[in-house]
Amino acid sequence: MTPDGHDPNCVVDLGPAVALFRSLADPTRLAIVHELARGERRIVDLTKTLGWAQSTVSAHVACLRDCGLVEGRPVGRQMLYRLTRPELLTVLAAAEDLLAATGNAVALCPVYGDEQEATA
């Protein structure tokens, strides 16, 4: 045990965190999440606001739904989508704070490439 209470022999499964951040890493999905943070939306609303094809928006909403970040509720013949967890807004706010604090330093991250590419 280290002085700060961490066990150096404890293996942490980072897979779920990686999956969460990958789901948010796509610009289309992140824009949809930001729009849904403002309230429930139909696919047609997202399509009009974001300016993307219905098929694109639907596919990305389905991905977010499959990840458990978005859920839909039927209203008549339509479906209204919303964020499932308010904690997601906290994560996004923390990311914005981090970006404000680090400025352009975060833009350097793509230079290092994908971990799989680096080990290939």
Protein backbone atom coordinates (compact mmCIF):
# COMPACT_ATOMS: atom_id res chain seq x y z
CA MET A 1 0.00 0.00 0.00
CA THR A 2 1.35 3.43 -0.93
CA PRO A 3 1.12 6.40 1.48
CA ASP A 4 -1.87 7.74 -0.47
CA GLY A 5 -3.79 4.49 0.08
CA HIS A 6 -3.36 2.87 -3.34
CA ASP A 7 -2.42 -0.77 -3.68
CA PRO A 8 0.30 -0.98 -6.39
CA ASN A 9 -0.59 -4.65 -6.94
CA CYS A 10 -4.23 -3.87 -7.69
CA VAL A 11 -5.04 -4.19 -11.38
CA VAL A 12 -7.68 -1.72 -12.54
CA ASP A 13 -9.93 -2.69 -15.43
CA LEU A 14 -9.87 0.38 -17.65
CA GLY A 15 -12.01 -1.23 -20.35
CA PRO A 16 -15.30 0.40 -19.31
CA ALA A 17 -13.69 3.85 -19.08
CA VAL A 18 -12.08 3.37 -22.49
CA ALA A 19 -15.47 2.38 -23.95
CA LEU A 20 -17.14 5.44 -22.40
CA PHE A 21 -14.56 7.87 -23.73
CA ARG A 22 -14.54 6.23 -27.16
CA SER A 23 -18.30 6.64 -27.34
CA LEU A 24 -17.86 10.34 -26.60
CA ALA A 25 -14.79 10.78 -28.83
CA ASP A 26 -16.77 10.81 -32.06
CA PRO A 27 -17.64 14.43 -32.99
CA THR A 28 -21.13 13.49 -34.16
CA ARG A 29 -21.98 11.63 -30.96
CA LEU A 30 -20.51 14.37 -28.81
CA ALA A 31 -22.63 16.97 -30.62
CA ILE A 32 -25.72 14.81 -30.07
CA VAL A 33 -24.89 14.48 -26.36
CA HIS A 34 -24.47 18.26 -26.10
CA GLU A 35 -27.83 18.78 -27.79
CA LEU A 36 -29.54 16.20 -25.55
CA ALA A 37 -28.03 17.93 -22.51
CA ARG A 38 -30.44 20.77 -23.35
CA GLY A 39 -33.44 18.42 -23.13
CA GLU A 40 -35.33 15.68 -24.91
CA ARG A 41 -35.19 15.65 -28.70
CA ARG A 42 -36.62 13.64 -31.57
CA ILE A 43 -34.36 12.41 -34.35
CA VAL A 44 -35.92 14.99 -36.67
CA ASP A 45 -35.08 17.75 -34.16
CA LEU A 46 -31.46 16.60 -33.95
CA THR A 47 -31.28 16.36 -37.74
CA LYS A 48 -32.51 19.94 -38.19
CA THR A 49 -30.35 21.39 -35.43
CA LEU A 50 -27.13 19.58 -36.33
CA GLY A 51 -27.59 19.56 -40.11
CA TRP A 52 -26.82 15.88 -40.65
CA ALA A 53 -28.71 13.18 -42.50
CA GLN A 54 -31.39 11.31 -40.59
CA SER A 55 -29.55 8.03 -41.11
CA THR A 56 -26.36 9.48 -39.59
CA VAL A 57 -28.14 10.87 -36.55
CA SER A 58 -30.15 7.68 -36.05
CA ALA A 59 -27.04 5.49 -36.21
CA HIS A 60 -25.17 7.61 -33.67
CA VAL A 61 -28.17 7.83 -31.34
CA ALA A 62 -28.46 4.03 -31.55
CA CYS A 63 -24.78 3.74 -30.59
CA LEU A 64 -25.29 6.04 -27.60
CA ARG A 65 -28.39 4.07 -26.64
CA ASP A 66 -26.48 0.78 -26.86
CA CYS A 67 -23.79 2.30 -24.61
CA GLY A 68 -26.46 3.17 -22.06
CA LEU A 69 -25.92 6.93 -22.36
CA VAL A 70 -29.20 7.72 -24.13
CA GLU A 71 -32.70 6.33 -23.82
CA GLY A 72 -35.86 6.88 -25.80
CA ARG A 73 -39.48 7.10 -24.78
CA PRO A 74 -42.33 6.78 -27.22
CA VAL A 75 -44.66 9.73 -27.70
CA GLY A 76 -47.34 8.79 -30.17
CA ARG A 77 -45.59 7.53 -33.29
CA GLN A 78 -42.32 9.28 -32.46
CA MET A 79 -39.51 8.67 -29.99
CA LEU A 80 -38.07 11.31 -27.70
CA TYR A 81 -34.44 10.77 -26.72
CA ARG A 82 -32.71 11.98 -23.57
CA LEU A 83 -29.53 11.40 -21.60
CA THR A 84 -29.87 8.57 -19.11
CA ARG A 85 -27.38 9.74 -16.50
CA PRO A 86 -26.94 13.27 -15.13
CA GLU A 87 -23.37 12.29 -14.25
CA LEU A 88 -22.56 12.55 -17.94
CA LEU A 89 -23.08 16.31 -17.70
CA THR A 90 -20.56 16.39 -14.84
CA VAL A 91 -18.03 14.50 -16.99
CA LEU A 92 -18.55 16.94 -19.87
CA ALA A 93 -18.22 19.95 -17.55
CA ALA A 94 -14.99 18.51 -16.12
CA ALA A 95 -13.68 17.99 -19.66
CA GLU A 96 -14.48 21.61 -20.53
CA ASP A 97 -12.67 22.76 -17.37
CA LEU A 98 -9.66 20.63 -18.29
CA LEU A 99 -9.62 22.04 -21.82
CA ALA A 100 -9.82 25.58 -20.46
CA ALA A 101 -6.91 24.86 -18.11
CA THR A 102 -4.67 23.10 -20.63
CA GLY A 103 -5.46 25.14 -23.71
CA ASN A 104 -3.84 23.82 -26.87
CA ALA A 105 -1.77 21.19 -25.03
CA VAL A 106 -4.57 18.66 -25.50
CA ALA A 107 -4.34 19.11 -29.28
CA LEU A 108 -0.93 17.42 -29.16
CA CYS A 109 -2.44 14.10 -28.06
CA PRO A 110 -3.22 12.89 -31.63
CA VAL A 111 0.50 13.14 -32.44
CA TYR A 112 1.09 10.09 -30.28
CA GLY A 113 -1.40 7.99 -32.23
CA ASP A 114 -3.42 5.01 -31.20
CA GLU A 115 -1.81 2.72 -28.62
CA GLN A 116 -2.40 -0.27 -30.90
CA GLU A 117 -0.63 1.50 -33.78
CA ALA A 118 2.32 2.35 -31.55
CA THR A 119 2.80 -1.28 -30.52
CA ALA A 120 2.28 -2.71 -34.02
